[in-house]
Amino acid sequence: MADTGDMPRWSIHDAPALTGRTVLVTGATSGLGLESAVALAARGARVLVAGRDPGRTDTAVRRAQAATARGGSAEPLALDLASLSSVEAAAAEVAQRIDRLDVLLNNAGVMAPPLGRTEDGFETQIGTNHLGHFALTARLLPLLLAAPAPRVVTVSSGAHRIGGLDPDDLNWERRRYQPWQAYGASKLANLLFTSELDRQAQAADVPLVTAAAHPGWAATNLQLAGPSFARNPVGRAMTRLANSLLSQSAADGALPQLYAASMPDVRGNEYFGPDGPAESRGGPTRVGRSDAARDPVLAAALWERSQELTSLELSLRG
């Protein structure tokens, strides 16, 4: 899996054929999501390419279709994770198209914008990065459990270590908003969601495998989104410079989540990232997480609060 001596680094070509598997990738119009959609289609999967913008989604579908092999295919799915009504409509559309979903890759995200609110009044980052994916997973759960070996993979970040999470103030209504801490909190929520979903799957004795991944420092549009939203040309310039000097490509950054989505040795609640210095770049390997990300009490509290805010029960028991 990781580089060892002269052993080659793992690539998607080392994954088993995915012919007959259906995968939904959120945020699949650029960056890690697009690279994942292309790679999974190339391994034979039927890929639902989910995105907010129809034009960009169609462009992403064409790129994935050009890479298809072994019976793979790609098709668009309209989805805006910052809107619970859009999540509901997308899940209903998926249920009309397929009778089972093998892999849900919760990839989409926003990073460090100024304070904003989603359509439902959630702080933009927790609303998009966590609550939108929580709601999508809840609504797609019947299709996932209809698959023989379903998997949910959620993309987190090393920034989960900088975010303190307050389940009673997820939406930054009582605290002074800090963009990077809010981003870190949303990425911590991704890991807590993964661990609690795994705990519930084990308790319900269902074969759902949940895992998480992070890309290290990958050169994508995500890093530019926060400075761009803030109309900060200095921030944009510094980010571009750092990307050019320190980052790896989006294709390489997608490898940990592709490993988590495709390899048969993946187990529940595992977390994958790059094997290089500071987990910034390199081949996929199993990585650690913060103490907060391993806190079962915090995970349970976040789960309950997420159900309240989305008005959805995500339960694996009957």
Protein backbone atom coordinates (compact mmCIF):
# COMPACT_ATOMS: atom_id res chain seq x y z
CA MET A 1 0.00 0.00 0.00
CA ALA A 2 2.65 2.53 0.99
CA ASP A 3 6.10 2.88 -0.55
CA THR A 4 8.51 0.35 0.93
CA GLY A 5 12.07 0.38 -0.33
CA ASP A 6 11.93 -0.09 -4.09
CA MET A 7 8.32 -1.25 -4.11
CA PRO A 8 6.14 0.82 -6.46
CA ARG A 9 3.55 3.12 -4.96
CA TRP A 10 -0.05 1.90 -5.03
CA SER A 11 -2.16 3.22 -7.88
CA ILE A 12 -5.76 2.72 -8.95
CA HIS A 13 -4.47 0.12 -11.44
CA ASP A 14 -3.70 -2.08 -8.41
CA ALA A 15 -7.36 -2.05 -7.37
CA PRO A 16 -9.61 -4.96 -8.33
CA ALA A 17 -11.94 -4.54 -11.29
CA LEU A 18 -15.10 -2.72 -10.25
CA THR A 19 -17.32 -4.04 -13.01
CA GLY A 20 -20.92 -4.25 -11.81
CA ARG A 21 -20.33 -1.85 -8.90
CA THR A 22 -22.14 1.49 -8.64
CA VAL A 23 -20.34 4.40 -6.97
CA LEU A 24 -21.65 7.87 -6.16
CA VAL A 25 -19.00 10.60 -5.86
CA THR A 26 -19.96 13.97 -4.41
CA GLY A 27 -18.12 17.09 -5.52
CA ALA A 28 -17.07 15.23 -8.64
CA THR A 29 -16.72 18.19 -11.00
CA SER A 30 -13.15 19.15 -10.05
CA GLY A 31 -10.14 18.23 -7.97
CA LEU A 32 -10.16 15.05 -5.90
CA GLY A 33 -13.75 14.21 -6.81
CA LEU A 34 -13.17 14.45 -10.55
CA GLU A 35 -9.97 12.40 -10.36
CA SER A 36 -11.82 9.80 -8.29
CA ALA A 37 -14.75 9.61 -10.72
CA VAL A 38 -12.39 9.17 -13.68
CA ALA A 39 -10.32 6.51 -11.92
CA LEU A 40 -13.33 4.51 -10.73
CA ALA A 41 -14.94 4.55 -14.17
CA ALA A 42 -11.65 3.36 -15.63
CA ARG A 43 -11.78 0.37 -13.27
CA GLY A 44 -15.24 -0.56 -14.55
CA ALA A 45 -17.60 1.10 -12.06
CA ARG A 46 -20.83 2.84 -12.92
CA VAL A 47 -20.14 6.29 -11.51
CA LEU A 48 -22.78 8.81 -10.53
CA VAL A 49 -21.01 12.13 -10.95
CA ALA A 50 -22.64 14.49 -8.45
CA GLY A 51 -22.25 18.24 -8.70
CA ARG A 52 -24.06 21.56 -8.29
CA ASP A 53 -23.39 23.12 -11.68
CA PRO A 54 -24.95 21.30 -14.68
CA GLY A 55 -22.35 22.51 -17.16
CA ARG A 56 -19.38 21.49 -15.03
CA THR A 57 -21.06 18.20 -14.17
CA ASP A 58 -21.57 17.37 -17.85
CA THR A 59 -17.93 18.21 -18.55
CA ALA A 60 -16.82 15.92 -15.73
CA VAL A 61 -19.05 13.13 -17.04
CA ARG A 62 -17.49 13.42 -20.49
CA ARG A 63 -14.01 13.16 -19.02
CA ALA A 64 -14.97 10.10 -16.98
CA GLN A 65 -16.67 8.49 -19.94
CA ALA A 66 -13.52 8.95 -22.01
CA ALA A 67 -11.64 6.87 -19.43
CA THR A 68 -14.20 4.10 -19.01
CA ALA A 69 -13.12 0.48 -19.32
CA ARG A 70 -14.36 -2.95 -18.30
CA GLY A 71 -17.96 -1.88 -18.71
CA GLY A 72 -17.62 1.31 -16.68
CA SER A 73 -19.86 4.30 -17.23
CA ALA A 74 -20.49 7.80 -15.93
CA GLU A 75 -23.67 9.81 -15.59
CA PRO A 76 -24.57 13.17 -14.04
CA LEU A 77 -26.45 13.73 -10.80
CA ALA A 78 -27.61 17.16 -9.65
CA LEU A 79 -26.67 17.65 -6.00
CA ASP A 80 -26.07 20.68 -3.80
CA LEU A 81 -24.99 19.58 -0.33
CA ALA A 82 -25.74 23.06 1.01
CA SER A 83 -29.45 22.36 0.48
CA LEU A 84 -31.31 19.58 2.29
CA SER A 85 -34.06 19.76 -0.33
CA SER A 86 -31.46 19.17 -3.05
CA VAL A 87 -30.08 16.20 -1.08
CA GLU A 88 -33.59 14.76 -0.82
CA ALA A 89 -34.25 15.23 -4.55
CA ALA A 90 -30.89 13.70 -5.50
CA ALA A 91 -31.45 10.66 -3.29
CA ALA A 92 -34.91 10.16 -4.81
CA GLU A 93 -33.39 10.39 -8.29
CA VAL A 94 -30.74 7.81 -7.40
CA ALA A 95 -33.42 5.44 -6.08
CA GLN A 96 -35.21 5.67 -9.44
CA ARG A 97 -32.04 4.77 -11.35
CA ILE A 98 -30.54 1.96 -9.30
CA ASP A 99 -31.58 -0.77 -6.90
CA ARG A 100 -28.35 -0.80 -4.92
CA LEU A 101 -25.38 1.46 -4.22
CA ASP A 102 -22.02 -0.19 -3.60
CA VAL A 103 -19.93 2.83 -2.61
CA LEU A 104 -20.80 6.33 -1.45
CA LEU A 105 -17.74 8.58 -1.66
CA ASN A 106 -18.46 11.70 0.42
CA ASN A 107 -15.82 13.88 -1.18
CA ALA A 108 -17.30 17.38 -1.64
CA GLY A 109 -16.24 20.23 0.59
CA VAL A 110 -15.59 23.93 1.04
CA MET A 111 -12.64 25.40 2.90
CA ALA A 112 -12.30 28.54 5.04
CA PRO A 113 -14.75 30.97 3.43
CA PRO A 114 -16.06 33.99 5.32
CA LEU A 115 -19.06 33.32 7.53
CA GLY A 116 -22.03 32.25 5.44
CA ARG A 117 -25.20 30.22 5.79
CA THR A 118 -26.62 27.39 3.74
CA GLU A 119 -30.17 27.34 2.44
CA ASP A 120 -31.19 25.71 5.72
CA GLY A 121 -29.37 28.21 7.94
CA PHE A 122 -26.32 26.07 8.74
CA GLU A 123 -22.82 27.56 8.85
CA THR A 124 -21.51 26.93 5.34
CA GLN A 125 -18.65 24.56 6.18
CA ILE A 126 -20.36 22.31 8.72
CA GLY A 127 -23.50 22.43 6.59
CA THR A 128 -21.77 21.35 3.38
CA ASN A 129 -18.89 19.21 4.61
CA HIS A 130 -20.76 17.32 7.33
CA LEU A 131 -24.51 17.86 7.57
CA GLY A 132 -25.10 17.58 3.82
CA HIS A 133 -23.18 14.31 3.72
CA PHE A 134 -24.91 13.07 6.86
CA ALA A 135 -28.30 13.69 5.22
CA LEU A 136 -27.21 12.11 1.94
CA THR A 137 -25.92 9.00 3.71
CA ALA A 138 -29.15 8.72 5.69
CA ARG A 139 -31.31 8.94 2.57
CA LEU A 140 -29.15 6.51 0.58
CA LEU A 141 -28.79 3.98 3.39
CA PRO A 142 -31.48 1.58 2.06
CA LEU A 143 -29.68 1.43 -1.30
CA LEU A 144 -26.34 0.91 0.43
CA LEU A 145 -27.67 -1.92 2.59
CA ALA A 146 -29.11 -3.57 -0.53
CA ALA A 147 -25.53 -4.08 -1.79
CA PRO A 148 -23.61 -7.21 -0.70
CA ALA A 149 -20.56 -5.28 0.55
CA PRO A 150 -21.45 -1.60 0.82
CA ARG A 151 -18.95 1.06 1.70
CA VAL A 152 -19.08 4.71 2.79
CA VAL A 153 -15.88 6.72 2.43
CA THR A 154 -15.73 10.27 3.77
CA VAL A 155 -12.95 12.71 2.97
CA SER A 156 -11.47 14.49 5.97
CA SER A 157 -8.25 16.49 6.36
CA GLY A 158 -5.19 16.85 8.54
CA ALA A 159 -6.88 20.10 9.57
CA HIS A 160 -9.22 18.04 11.75
CA ARG A 161 -6.54 18.49 14.42
CA ILE A 162 -7.07 22.27 14.62
CA GLY A 163 -10.84 22.25 14.98
CA GLY A 164 -12.61 22.06 18.32
CA LEU A 165 -16.15 20.77 17.85
CA ASP A 166 -19.08 22.03 19.91
CA PRO A 167 -22.20 19.94 19.11
CA ASP A 168 -24.35 22.58 20.82
CA ASP A 169 -22.98 25.35 18.59
CA LEU A 170 -22.21 23.63 15.29
CA ASN A 171 -23.40 26.67 13.38
CA TRP A 172 -21.22 29.27 15.13
CA GLU A 173 -24.16 31.22 16.48
CA ARG A 174 -22.69 31.87 19.94
CA ARG A 175 -18.96 32.02 19.19
CA ARG A 176 -16.93 34.43 17.11
CA TYR A 177 -16.56 32.80 13.72
CA GLN A 178 -13.05 31.75 12.73
CA PRO A 179 -12.87 30.32 9.19
CA TRP A 180 -9.99 27.90 9.68
CA GLN A 181 -11.23 26.60 13.02
CA ALA A 182 -14.65 26.09 11.47
CA TYR A 183 -13.04 24.17 8.62
CA GLY A 184 -11.10 22.03 11.07
CA ALA A 185 -14.29 21.38 13.04
CA SER A 186 -16.08 20.21 9.89
CA LYS A 187 -13.21 17.85 9.08
CA LEU A 188 -13.22 16.55 12.66
CA ALA A 189 -16.95 15.96 12.20
CA ASN A 190 -16.16 13.83 9.14
CA LEU A 191 -14.01 11.51 11.23
CA LEU A 192 -16.47 11.36 14.11
CA PHE A 193 -19.24 10.56 11.63
CA THR A 194 -17.12 7.73 10.21
CA SER A 195 -16.42 6.22 13.61
CA GLU A 196 -20.03 6.41 14.83
CA LEU A 197 -21.38 4.98 11.57
CA ASP A 198 -18.93 2.11 11.94
CA ARG A 199 -19.96 1.54 15.56
CA GLN A 200 -23.61 1.41 14.60
CA ALA A 201 -22.93 -0.92 11.67
CA GLN A 202 -21.15 -3.33 13.97
CA ALA A 203 -23.90 -3.12 16.58
CA ALA A 204 -26.53 -3.82 13.93
CA ASP A 205 -24.40 -6.62 12.43
CA VAL A 206 -24.63 -5.27 8.88
CA PRO A 207 -21.74 -5.57 6.39
CA LEU A 208 -21.33 -1.83 5.86
CA VAL A 209 -17.69 -0.74 5.85
CA THR A 210 -17.04 2.91 6.69
CA ALA A 211 -13.68 4.55 6.21
CA ALA A 212 -12.14 8.00 5.89
CA ALA A 213 -9.28 9.48 3.91
CA HIS A 214 -7.37 12.70 3.46
CA PRO A 215 -5.32 13.89 0.46
CA GLY A 216 -2.41 15.55 2.19
CA TRP A 217 -1.57 18.78 0.42
CA ALA A 218 -3.10 18.41 -3.01
CA ALA A 219 -3.23 21.18 -5.58
CA THR A 220 -6.95 21.70 -6.14
CA ASN A 221 -9.40 24.58 -6.40
CA LEU A 222 -10.36 24.01 -2.75
CA GLN A 223 -7.38 25.92 -1.37
CA LEU A 224 -8.24 28.92 -3.51
CA ALA A 225 -11.92 28.96 -2.57
CA GLY A 226 -11.53 30.61 0.83
CA PRO A 227 -9.23 33.42 -0.35
CA SER A 228 -11.37 33.86 -3.45
CA PHE A 229 -14.58 34.16 -1.45
CA ALA A 230 -12.84 36.73 0.71
CA ARG A 231 -11.64 38.63 -2.39
CA ASN A 232 -8.11 38.32 -1.04
CA PRO A 233 -5.57 38.54 -3.88
CA VAL A 234 -2.63 38.16 -1.50
CA GLY A 235 -4.14 34.97 -0.07
CA ARG A 236 -4.70 33.63 -3.56
CA ALA A 237 -1.14 34.42 -4.61
CA MET A 238 0.36 32.82 -1.49
CA THR A 239 -1.78 29.72 -1.94
CA ARG A 240 -0.72 29.33 -5.57
CA LEU A 241 2.93 29.69 -4.58
CA ALA A 242 2.62 27.12 -1.79
CA ASN A 243 0.82 24.74 -4.14
CA SER A 244 3.58 25.03 -6.72
CA LEU A 245 6.31 24.34 -4.15
CA LEU A 246 4.78 21.86 -1.71
CA SER A 247 1.76 20.12 -3.09
CA GLN A 248 1.12 16.96 -5.04
CA SER A 249 -1.33 16.67 -7.91
CA ALA A 250 -5.05 16.18 -7.43
CA ALA A 251 -4.67 12.73 -9.01
CA ASP A 252 -2.10 11.76 -6.38
CA GLY A 253 -4.13 13.39 -3.62
CA ALA A 254 -7.10 11.23 -4.58
CA LEU A 255 -5.18 7.98 -4.04
CA PRO A 256 -6.01 7.56 -0.31
CA GLN A 257 -9.76 7.88 -0.91
CA LEU A 258 -9.55 5.62 -3.96
CA TYR A 259 -7.76 3.01 -1.86
CA ALA A 260 -10.44 3.30 0.81
CA ALA A 261 -13.20 3.02 -1.80
CA SER A 262 -11.84 0.04 -3.70
CA MET A 263 -9.45 -2.24 -1.86
CA PRO A 264 -10.70 -5.45 -0.21
CA ASP A 265 -8.45 -5.14 2.86
CA VAL A 266 -10.15 -1.94 4.10
CA ARG A 267 -11.78 -2.34 7.50
CA GLY A 268 -14.32 -0.27 9.39
CA ASN A 269 -13.20 3.11 10.79
CA GLU A 270 -9.81 3.02 9.08
CA TYR A 271 -8.29 6.32 8.00
CA PHE A 272 -5.99 6.70 4.99
CA GLY A 273 -3.61 9.44 3.94
CA PRO A 274 -0.23 9.97 2.22
CA ASP A 275 2.83 8.21 3.61
CA GLY A 276 5.26 11.11 3.11
CA PRO A 277 6.55 13.71 5.58
CA ALA A 278 3.76 15.20 7.68
CA GLU A 279 1.33 13.18 5.58
CA SER A 280 1.54 15.94 2.97
CA ARG A 281 2.24 13.80 -0.08
CA GLY A 282 3.07 10.26 -1.12
CA GLY A 283 1.34 6.92 -1.53
CA PRO A 284 -1.71 5.88 0.48
CA THR A 285 -1.25 4.35 3.91
CA ARG A 286 -3.15 4.02 7.16
CA VAL A 287 -2.73 7.13 9.31
CA GLY A 288 -3.57 8.30 12.80
CA ARG A 289 -6.02 10.89 14.07
CA SER A 290 -6.41 13.23 17.01
CA ASP A 291 -7.70 12.22 20.43
CA ALA A 292 -10.88 14.21 19.76
CA ALA A 293 -11.49 12.23 16.58
CA ARG A 294 -11.41 9.03 18.66
CA ASP A 295 -13.84 10.30 21.32
CA PRO A 296 -16.96 8.06 21.29
CA VAL A 297 -18.93 10.44 23.51
CA LEU A 298 -18.28 13.36 21.18
CA ALA A 299 -19.14 11.18 18.17
CA ALA A 300 -22.47 10.17 19.70
CA ALA A 301 -23.31 13.77 20.62
CA LEU A 302 -22.53 14.95 17.09
CA TRP A 303 -24.68 12.15 15.67
CA GLU A 304 -27.67 13.14 17.78
CA ARG A 305 -27.28 16.83 16.97
CA SER A 306 -26.93 16.04 13.27
CA GLN A 307 -30.19 14.10 13.34
CA GLU A 308 -31.92 17.03 15.04
CA LEU A 309 -30.63 19.61 12.59
CA THR A 310 -31.41 17.58 9.47
CA SER A 311 -34.70 16.14 10.83
CA LEU A 312 -33.48 12.72 9.70
CA GLU A 313 -32.85 9.53 11.62
CA LEU A 314 -29.81 7.67 10.43
CA SER A 315 -30.28 4.26 11.96
CA LEU A 316 -28.97 0.86 10.87
CA ARG A 317 -31.34 -1.03 13.13
CA GLY A 318 -34.37 -2.40 11.31
